[in-house]
Amino acid sequence: MLKIRLRRTGAKKQPAYRVVVAESTAPRDGTFLEILGHYNPLTTPTTFVVKDERVQHWLERGAQPTERVARLLTARGITAASS
């Protein structure tokens, strides 16, 4: 199963993340299929940049966003809020 999830980058105690499509069995910082964007929670306001059309492409093909990514996508207006 494919997941749209965060891949940690950045220095110790300074996390930044890439939004990637990866196989659900792959490790967090392991192999991935495509980088869709990035997320930095330390900036004010937080930085969340993503390729909207590529996210839609992967969602249509059955990729499931993780809980955190789903929340970010909903806040951005890319996906509808789930109940």
PDB file of N, CA and C in Angstrom:
ATOM      1  N   MET A   1       0.838  -1.167   0.000  1.00  0.00           N
ATOM      2  CA  MET A   1       0.000   0.000   0.000  1.00  0.00           C
ATOM      3  C   MET A   1       0.893   1.245   0.000  1.00  0.00           C
ATOM      4  N   LEU A   2       0.497   2.225  -0.782  1.00  0.00           N
ATOM      5  CA  LEU A   2       1.253   3.469  -0.856  1.00  0.00           C
ATOM      6  C   LEU A   2       0.737   4.462   0.177  1.00  0.00           C
ATOM      7  N   LYS A   3       1.670   5.199   0.767  1.00  0.00           N
ATOM      8  CA  LYS A   3       1.335   6.219   1.762  1.00  0.00           C
ATOM      9  C   LYS A   3       1.940   7.551   1.331  1.00  0.00           C
ATOM     10  N   ILE A   4       1.220   8.623   1.592  1.00  0.00           N
ATOM     11  CA  ILE A   4       1.782   9.968   1.462  1.00  0.00           C
ATOM     12  C   ILE A   4       2.146  10.355   2.877  1.00  0.00           C
ATOM     13  N   ARG A   5       3.442  10.521   3.126  1.00  0.00           N
ATOM     14  CA  ARG A   5       3.890  10.743   4.500  1.00  0.00           C
ATOM     15  C   ARG A   5       5.071  11.698   4.563  1.00  0.00           C
ATOM     16  N   LEU A   6       5.480  12.005   5.789  1.00  0.00           N
ATOM     17  CA  LEU A   6       6.590  12.919   6.019  1.00  0.00           C
ATOM     18  C   LEU A   6       7.890  12.136   6.158  1.00  0.00           C
ATOM     19  N   ARG A   7       8.947  12.678   5.569  1.00  0.00           N
ATOM     20  CA  ARG A   7      10.286  12.098   5.663  1.00  0.00           C
ATOM     21  C   ARG A   7      11.161  13.147   6.334  1.00  0.00           C
ATOM     22  N   ARG A   8      11.747  12.818   7.463  1.00  0.00           N
ATOM     23  CA  ARG A   8      12.478  13.810   8.249  1.00  0.00           C
ATOM     24  C   ARG A   8      13.807  14.176   7.603  1.00  0.00           C
ATOM     25  N   THR A   9      14.082  15.475   7.573  1.00  0.00           N
ATOM     26  CA  THR A   9      15.383  16.002   7.166  1.00  0.00           C
ATOM     27  C   THR A   9      15.754  17.038   8.219  1.00  0.00           C
ATOM     28  N   GLY A  10      16.869  17.697   8.055  1.00  0.00           N
ATOM     29  CA  GLY A  10      17.250  18.741   8.996  1.00  0.00           C
ATOM     30  C   GLY A  10      18.199  18.234  10.062  1.00  0.00           C
ATOM     31  N   ALA A  11      18.757  19.170  10.783  1.00  0.00           N
ATOM     32  CA  ALA A  11      19.742  18.859  11.812  1.00  0.00           C
ATOM     33  C   ALA A  11      19.075  18.385  13.102  1.00  0.00           C
ATOM     34  N   LYS A  12      19.900  17.963  14.033  1.00  0.00           N
ATOM     35  CA  LYS A  12      19.409  17.528  15.336  1.00  0.00           C
ATOM     36  C   LYS A  12      18.646  18.662  16.013  1.00  0.00           C
ATOM     37  N   LYS A  13      17.455  18.361  16.503  1.00  0.00           N
ATOM     38  CA  LYS A  13      16.566  19.312  17.172  1.00  0.00           C
ATOM     39  C   LYS A  13      16.097  20.455  16.273  1.00  0.00           C
ATOM     40  N   GLN A  14      16.265  20.309  14.959  1.00  0.00           N
ATOM     41  CA  GLN A  14      15.758  21.289  13.994  1.00  0.00           C
ATOM     42  C   GLN A  14      15.067  20.537  12.859  1.00  0.00           C
ATOM     43  N   PRO A  15      13.935  19.930  13.141  1.00  0.00           N
ATOM     44  CA  PRO A  15      13.309  19.081  12.128  1.00  0.00           C
ATOM     45  C   PRO A  15      12.706  19.871  10.976  1.00  0.00           C
ATOM     46  N   ALA A  16      12.854  19.319   9.805  1.00  0.00           N
ATOM     47  CA  ALA A  16      12.155  19.766   8.606  1.00  0.00           C
ATOM     48  C   ALA A  16      11.749  18.472   7.916  1.00  0.00           C
ATOM     49  N   TYR A  17      10.720  18.527   7.118  1.00  0.00           N
ATOM     50  CA  TYR A  17      10.205  17.298   6.535  1.00  0.00           C
ATOM     51  C   TYR A  17       9.959  17.464   5.050  1.00  0.00           C
ATOM     52  N   ARG A  18      10.118  16.362   4.310  1.00  0.00           N
ATOM     53  CA  ARG A  18       9.700  16.296   2.921  1.00  0.00           C
ATOM     54  C   ARG A  18       8.418  15.484   2.879  1.00  0.00           C
ATOM     55  N   VAL A  19       7.488  15.892   2.042  1.00  0.00           N
ATOM     56  CA  VAL A  19       6.264  15.127   1.837  1.00  0.00           C
ATOM     57  C   VAL A  19       6.550  14.193   0.671  1.00  0.00           C
ATOM     58  N   VAL A  20       6.478  12.884   0.919  1.00  0.00           N
ATOM     59  CA  VAL A  20       6.837  11.903  -0.100  1.00  0.00           C
ATOM     60  C   VAL A  20       5.752  10.841  -0.243  1.00  0.00           C
ATOM     61  N   VAL A  21       5.798  10.146  -1.374  1.00  0.00           N
ATOM     62  CA  VAL A  21       4.984   8.949  -1.586  1.00  0.00           C
ATOM     63  C   VAL A  21       5.914   7.765  -1.403  1.00  0.00           C
ATOM     64  N   ALA A  22       5.562   6.863  -0.498  1.00  0.00           N
ATOM     65  CA  ALA A  22       6.413   5.706  -0.206  1.00  0.00           C
ATOM     66  C   ALA A  22       5.551   4.486   0.058  1.00  0.00           C
ATOM     67  N   GLU A  23       6.162   3.329  -0.099  1.00  0.00           N
ATOM     68  CA  GLU A  23       5.510   2.083   0.273  1.00  0.00           C
ATOM     69  C   GLU A  23       5.350   2.077   1.792  1.00  0.00           C
ATOM     70  N   SER A  24       4.235   1.595   2.277  1.00  0.00           N
ATOM     71  CA  SER A  24       3.958   1.650   3.721  1.00  0.00           C
ATOM     72  C   SER A  24       4.944   0.823   4.534  1.00  0.00           C
ATOM     73  N   THR A  25       5.579  -0.180   3.924  1.00  0.00           N
ATOM     74  CA  THR A  25       6.528  -1.015   4.651  1.00  0.00           C
ATOM     75  C   THR A  25       7.935  -0.428   4.679  1.00  0.00           C
ATOM     76  N   ALA A  26       8.197   0.621   3.909  1.00  0.00           N
ATOM     77  CA  ALA A  26       9.525   1.241   3.873  1.00  0.00           C
ATOM     78  C   ALA A  26       9.765   2.027   5.162  1.00  0.00           C
ATOM     79  N   PRO A  27      11.018   2.104   5.629  1.00  0.00           N
ATOM     80  CA  PRO A  27      11.309   2.906   6.823  1.00  0.00           C
ATOM     81  C   PRO A  27      11.007   4.386   6.596  1.00  0.00           C
ATOM     82  N   ARG A  28      10.847   5.135   7.685  1.00  0.00           N
ATOM     83  CA  ARG A  28      10.495   6.553   7.589  1.00  0.00           C
ATOM     84  C   ARG A  28      11.418   7.328   6.658  1.00  0.00           C
ATOM     85  N   ASP A  29      12.723   7.131   6.788  1.00  0.00           N
ATOM     86  CA  ASP A  29      13.676   7.858   5.954  1.00  0.00           C
ATOM     87  C   ASP A  29      14.253   6.962   4.864  1.00  0.00           C
ATOM     88  N   GLY A  30      13.532   5.906   4.507  1.00  0.00           N
ATOM     89  CA  GLY A  30      13.995   4.965   3.501  1.00  0.00           C
ATOM     90  C   GLY A  30      13.588   5.372   2.096  1.00  0.00           C
ATOM     91  N   THR A  31      13.416   4.370   1.244  1.00  0.00           N
ATOM     92  CA  THR A  31      13.118   4.628  -0.161  1.00  0.00           C
ATOM     93  C   THR A  31      11.731   5.235  -0.330  1.00  0.00           C
ATOM     94  N   PHE A  32      11.579   6.017  -1.386  1.00  0.00           N
ATOM     95  CA  PHE A  32      10.311   6.650  -1.704  1.00  0.00           C
ATOM     96  C   PHE A  32      10.183   6.739  -3.218  1.00  0.00           C
ATOM     97  N   LEU A  33       8.979   7.021  -3.689  1.00  0.00           N
ATOM     98  CA  LEU A  33       8.724   7.094  -5.124  1.00  0.00           C
ATOM     99  C   LEU A  33       8.839   8.505  -5.668  1.00  0.00           C
ATOM    100  N   GLU A  34       8.350   9.483  -4.923  1.00  0.00           N
ATOM    101  CA  GLU A  34       8.351  10.858  -5.417  1.00  0.00           C
ATOM    102  C   GLU A  34       8.277  11.841  -4.252  1.00  0.00           C
ATOM    103  N   ILE A  35       8.987  12.959  -4.384  1.00  0.00           N
ATOM    104  CA  ILE A  35       8.881  14.057  -3.421  1.00  0.00           C
ATOM    105  C   ILE A  35       7.756  14.972  -3.893  1.00  0.00           C
ATOM    106  N   LEU A  36       6.788  15.222  -3.014  1.00  0.00           N
ATOM    107  CA  LEU A  36       5.646  16.058  -3.375  1.00  0.00           C
ATOM    108  C   LEU A  36       5.751  17.478  -2.830  1.00  0.00           C
ATOM    109  N   GLY A  37       6.609  17.695  -1.844  1.00  0.00           N
ATOM    110  CA  GLY A  37       6.730  19.026  -1.264  1.00  0.00           C
ATOM    111  C   GLY A  37       7.537  18.987   0.013  1.00  0.00           C
ATOM    112  N   HIS A  38       7.422  20.047   0.821  1.00  0.00           N
ATOM    113  CA  HIS A  38       8.133  20.088   2.098  1.00  0.00           C
ATOM    114  C   HIS A  38       7.300  20.802   3.159  1.00  0.00           C
ATOM    115  N   TYR A  39       7.679  20.546   4.415  1.00  0.00           N
ATOM    116  CA  TYR A  39       6.969  21.074   5.576  1.00  0.00           C
ATOM    117  C   TYR A  39       7.998  21.438   6.629  1.00  0.00           C
ATOM    118  N   ASN A  40       7.912  22.673   7.154  1.00  0.00           N
ATOM    119  CA  ASN A  40       8.809  23.110   8.212  1.00  0.00           C
ATOM    120  C   ASN A  40       7.971  23.675   9.356  1.00  0.00           C
ATOM    121  N   PRO A  41       7.857  22.922  10.453  1.00  0.00           N
ATOM    122  CA  PRO A  41       7.032  23.382  11.571  1.00  0.00           C
ATOM    123  C   PRO A  41       7.687  24.452  12.431  1.00  0.00           C
ATOM    124  N   LEU A  42       8.964  24.732  12.239  1.00  0.00           N
ATOM    125  CA  LEU A  42       9.671  25.682  13.100  1.00  0.00           C
ATOM    126  C   LEU A  42       9.523  27.132  12.658  1.00  0.00           C
ATOM    127  N   THR A  43       9.127  27.371  11.416  1.00  0.00           N
ATOM    128  CA  THR A  43       8.967  28.746  10.958  1.00  0.00           C
ATOM    129  C   THR A  43       7.651  29.306  11.486  1.00  0.00           C
ATOM    130  N   THR A  44       7.554  30.622  11.519  1.00  0.00           N
ATOM    131  CA  THR A  44       6.319  31.263  11.965  1.00  0.00           C
ATOM    132  C   THR A  44       5.794  32.135  10.838  1.00  0.00           C
ATOM    133  N   PRO A  45       4.671  31.831  10.226  1.00  0.00           N
ATOM    134  CA  PRO A  45       3.862  30.620  10.385  1.00  0.00           C
ATOM    135  C   PRO A  45       4.556  29.417   9.741  1.00  0.00           C
ATOM    136  N   THR A  46       4.064  28.232  10.034  1.00  0.00           N
ATOM    137  CA  THR A  46       4.690  27.026   9.497  1.00  0.00           C
ATOM    138  C   THR A  46       4.659  27.048   7.971  1.00  0.00           C
ATOM    139  N   THR A  47       5.701  26.488   7.381  1.00  0.00           N
ATOM    140  CA  THR A  47       5.817  26.421   5.931  1.00  0.00           C
ATOM    141  C   THR A  47       5.328  25.065   5.457  1.00  0.00           C
ATOM    142  N   PHE A  48       4.375  25.073   4.529  1.00  0.00           N
ATOM    143  CA  PHE A  48       3.895  23.834   3.930  1.00  0.00           C
ATOM    144  C   PHE A  48       3.699  24.088   2.449  1.00  0.00           C
ATOM    145  N   VAL A  49       4.604  23.550   1.633  1.00  0.00           N
ATOM    146  CA  VAL A  49       4.563  23.715   0.184  1.00  0.00           C
ATOM    147  C   VAL A  49       4.420  22.338  -0.424  1.00  0.00           C
ATOM    148  N   VAL A  50       3.432  22.188  -1.302  1.00  0.00           N
ATOM    149  CA  VAL A  50       3.187  20.881  -1.908  1.00  0.00           C
ATOM    150  C   VAL A  50       2.685  21.084  -3.342  1.00  0.00           C
ATOM    151  N   LYS A  51       2.984  20.117  -4.205  1.00  0.00           N
ATOM    152  CA  LYS A  51       2.501  20.148  -5.584  1.00  0.00           C
ATOM    153  C   LYS A  51       1.082  19.574  -5.598  1.00  0.00           C
ATOM    154  N   ASP A  52       0.095  20.459  -5.683  1.00  0.00           N
ATOM    155  CA  ASP A  52      -1.306  20.054  -5.567  1.00  0.00           C
ATOM    156  C   ASP A  52      -1.702  18.999  -6.597  1.00  0.00           C
ATOM    157  N   GLU A  53      -1.306  19.204  -7.853  1.00  0.00           N
ATOM    158  CA  GLU A  53      -1.727  18.272  -8.903  1.00  0.00           C
ATOM    159  C   GLU A  53      -1.101  16.893  -8.735  1.00  0.00           C
ATOM    160  N   ARG A  54       0.127  16.821  -8.210  1.00  0.00           N
ATOM    161  CA  ARG A  54       0.763  15.521  -7.986  1.00  0.00           C
ATOM    162  C   ARG A  54       0.129  14.799  -6.788  1.00  0.00           C
ATOM    163  N   VAL A  55      -0.269  15.566  -5.763  1.00  0.00           N
ATOM    164  CA  VAL A  55      -0.957  14.965  -4.618  1.00  0.00           C
ATOM    165  C   VAL A  55      -2.269  14.354  -5.093  1.00  0.00           C
ATOM    166  N   GLN A  56      -3.028  15.085  -5.901  1.00  0.00           N
ATOM    167  CA  GLN A  56      -4.284  14.563  -6.438  1.00  0.00           C
ATOM    168  C   GLN A  56      -4.040  13.315  -7.279  1.00  0.00           C
ATOM    169  N   HIS A  57      -2.979  13.332  -8.067  1.00  0.00           N
ATOM    170  CA  HIS A  57      -2.615  12.180  -8.895  1.00  0.00           C
ATOM    171  C   HIS A  57      -2.435  10.935  -8.035  1.00  0.00           C
ATOM    172  N   TRP A  58      -1.672  11.046  -6.961  1.00  0.00           N
ATOM    173  CA  TRP A  58      -1.413   9.891  -6.101  1.00  0.00           C
ATOM    174  C   TRP A  58      -2.638   9.480  -5.295  1.00  0.00           C
ATOM    175  N   LEU A  59      -3.450  10.442  -4.870  1.00  0.00           N
ATOM    176  CA  LEU A  59      -4.672  10.107  -4.142  1.00  0.00           C
ATOM    177  C   LEU A  59      -5.639   9.334  -5.041  1.00  0.00           C
ATOM    178  N   GLU A  60      -5.724   9.725  -6.314  1.00  0.00           N
ATOM    179  CA  GLU A  60      -6.585   9.019  -7.265  1.00  0.00           C
ATOM    180  C   GLU A  60      -6.115   7.590  -7.503  1.00  0.00           C
ATOM    181  N   ARG A  61      -4.831   7.351  -7.346  1.00  0.00           N
ATOM    182  CA  ARG A  61      -4.280   6.017  -7.558  1.00  0.00           C
ATOM    183  C   ARG A  61      -4.234   5.177  -6.284  1.00  0.00           C
ATOM    184  N   GLY A  62      -4.862   5.670  -5.222  1.00  0.00           N
ATOM    185  CA  GLY A  62      -5.026   4.857  -4.023  1.00  0.00           C
ATOM    186  C   GLY A  62      -4.048   5.110  -2.896  1.00  0.00           C
ATOM    187  N   ALA A  63      -3.162   6.092  -3.029  1.00  0.00           N
ATOM    188  CA  ALA A  63      -2.235   6.394  -1.937  1.00  0.00           C
ATOM    189  C   ALA A  63      -3.015   6.998  -0.775  1.00  0.00           C
ATOM    190  N   GLN A  64      -2.698   6.554   0.438  1.00  0.00           N
ATOM    191  CA  GLN A  64      -3.381   7.026   1.634  1.00  0.00           C
ATOM    192  C   GLN A  64      -2.467   7.980   2.404  1.00  0.00           C
ATOM    193  N   PRO A  65      -2.938   9.196   2.709  1.00  0.00           N
ATOM    194  CA  PRO A  65      -2.106  10.100   3.517  1.00  0.00           C
ATOM    195  C   PRO A  65      -2.080   9.646   4.972  1.00  0.00           C
ATOM    196  N   THR A  66      -0.964   9.896   5.640  1.00  0.00           N
ATOM    197  CA  THR A  66      -0.902   9.618   7.075  1.00  0.00           C
ATOM    198  C   THR A  66      -1.762  10.651   7.792  1.00  0.00           C
ATOM    199  N   GLU A  67      -1.959  10.447   9.080  1.00  0.00           N
ATOM    200  CA  GLU A  67      -2.823  11.338   9.849  1.00  0.00           C
ATOM    201  C   GLU A  67      -2.338  12.790   9.796  1.00  0.00           C
ATOM    202  N   ARG A  68      -1.051  13.007  10.001  1.00  0.00           N
ATOM    203  CA  ARG A  68      -0.493  14.363   9.990  1.00  0.00           C
ATOM    204  C   ARG A  68      -0.590  14.990   8.599  1.00  0.00           C
ATOM    205  N   VAL A  69      -0.259  14.247   7.571  1.00  0.00           N
ATOM    206  CA  VAL A  69      -0.316  14.781   6.206  1.00  0.00           C
ATOM    207  C   VAL A  69      -1.762  15.082   5.828  1.00  0.00           C
ATOM    208  N   ALA A  70      -2.687  14.229   6.224  1.00  0.00           N
ATOM    209  CA  ALA A  70      -4.103  14.475   5.932  1.00  0.00           C
ATOM    210  C   ALA A  70      -4.558  15.780   6.572  1.00  0.00           C
ATOM    211  N   ARG A  71      -4.122  16.026   7.801  1.00  0.00           N
ATOM    212  CA  ARG A  71      -4.474  17.267   8.497  1.00  0.00           C
ATOM    213  C   ARG A  71      -3.895  18.490   7.763  1.00  0.00           C
ATOM    214  N   LEU A  72      -2.653  18.375   7.301  1.00  0.00           N
ATOM    215  CA  LEU A  72      -2.032  19.486   6.570  1.00  0.00           C
ATOM    216  C   LEU A  72      -2.732  19.733   5.240  1.00  0.00           C
ATOM    217  N   LEU A  73      -3.072  18.656   4.531  1.00  0.00           N
ATOM    218  CA  LEU A  73      -3.751  18.788   3.236  1.00  0.00           C
ATOM    219  C   LEU A  73      -5.146  19.385   3.415  1.00  0.00           C
ATOM    220  N   THR A  74      -5.832  19.006   4.473  1.00  0.00           N
ATOM    221  CA  THR A  74      -7.164  19.559   4.737  1.00  0.00           C
ATOM    222  C   THR A  74      -7.069  21.041   5.052  1.00  0.00           C
ATOM    223  N   ALA A  75      -6.082  21.422   5.847  1.00  0.00           N
ATOM    224  CA  ALA A  75      -5.896  22.836   6.190  1.00  0.00           C
ATOM    225  C   ALA A  75      -5.571  23.660   4.948  1.00  0.00           C
ATOM    226  N   ARG A  76      -4.891  23.053   3.999  1.00  0.00           N
ATOM    227  CA  ARG A  76      -4.524  23.723   2.751  1.00  0.00           C
ATOM    228  C   ARG A  76      -5.683  23.732   1.765  1.00  0.00           C
ATOM    229  N   GLY A  77      -6.707  22.892   1.989  1.00  0.00           N
ATOM    230  CA  GLY A  77      -7.865  22.858   1.110  1.00  0.00           C
ATOM    231  C   GLY A  77      -7.737  21.888  -0.051  1.00  0.00           C
ATOM    232  N   ILE A  78      -6.763  20.995   0.012  1.00  0.00           N
ATOM    233  CA  ILE A  78      -6.549  20.031  -1.072  1.00  0.00           C
ATOM    234  C   ILE A  78      -7.497  18.850  -0.941  1.00  0.00           C
ATOM    235  N   THR A  79      -7.731  18.386   0.280  1.00  0.00           N
ATOM    236  CA  THR A  79      -8.665  17.288   0.503  1.00  0.00           C
ATOM    237  C   THR A  79      -9.758  17.749   1.449  1.00  0.00           C
ATOM    238  N   ALA A  80     -10.882  17.062   1.394  1.00  0.00           N
ATOM    239  CA  ALA A  80     -11.995  17.388   2.278  1.00  0.00           C
ATOM    240  C   ALA A  80     -11.744  16.799   3.659  1.00  0.00           C
ATOM    241  N   ALA A  81     -12.249  17.438   4.662  1.00  0.00           N
ATOM    242  CA  ALA A  81     -12.090  16.942   6.034  1.00  0.00           C
ATOM    243  C   ALA A  81     -12.878  15.645   6.188  1.00  0.00           C
ATOM    244  N   SER A  82     -12.242  14.650   6.778  1.00  0.00           N
ATOM    245  CA  SER A  82     -12.921  13.377   7.010  1.00  0.00           C
ATOM    246  C   SER A  82     -13.560  13.394   8.398  1.00  0.00           C
ATOM    247  N   SER A  83     -14.672  12.689   8.526  1.00  0.00           N
ATOM    248  CA  SER A  83     -15.369  12.712   9.805  1.00  0.00           C
ATOM    249  C   SER A  83     -14.939  11.621  10.731  1.00  0.00           C
TER     250      SER A  83
END
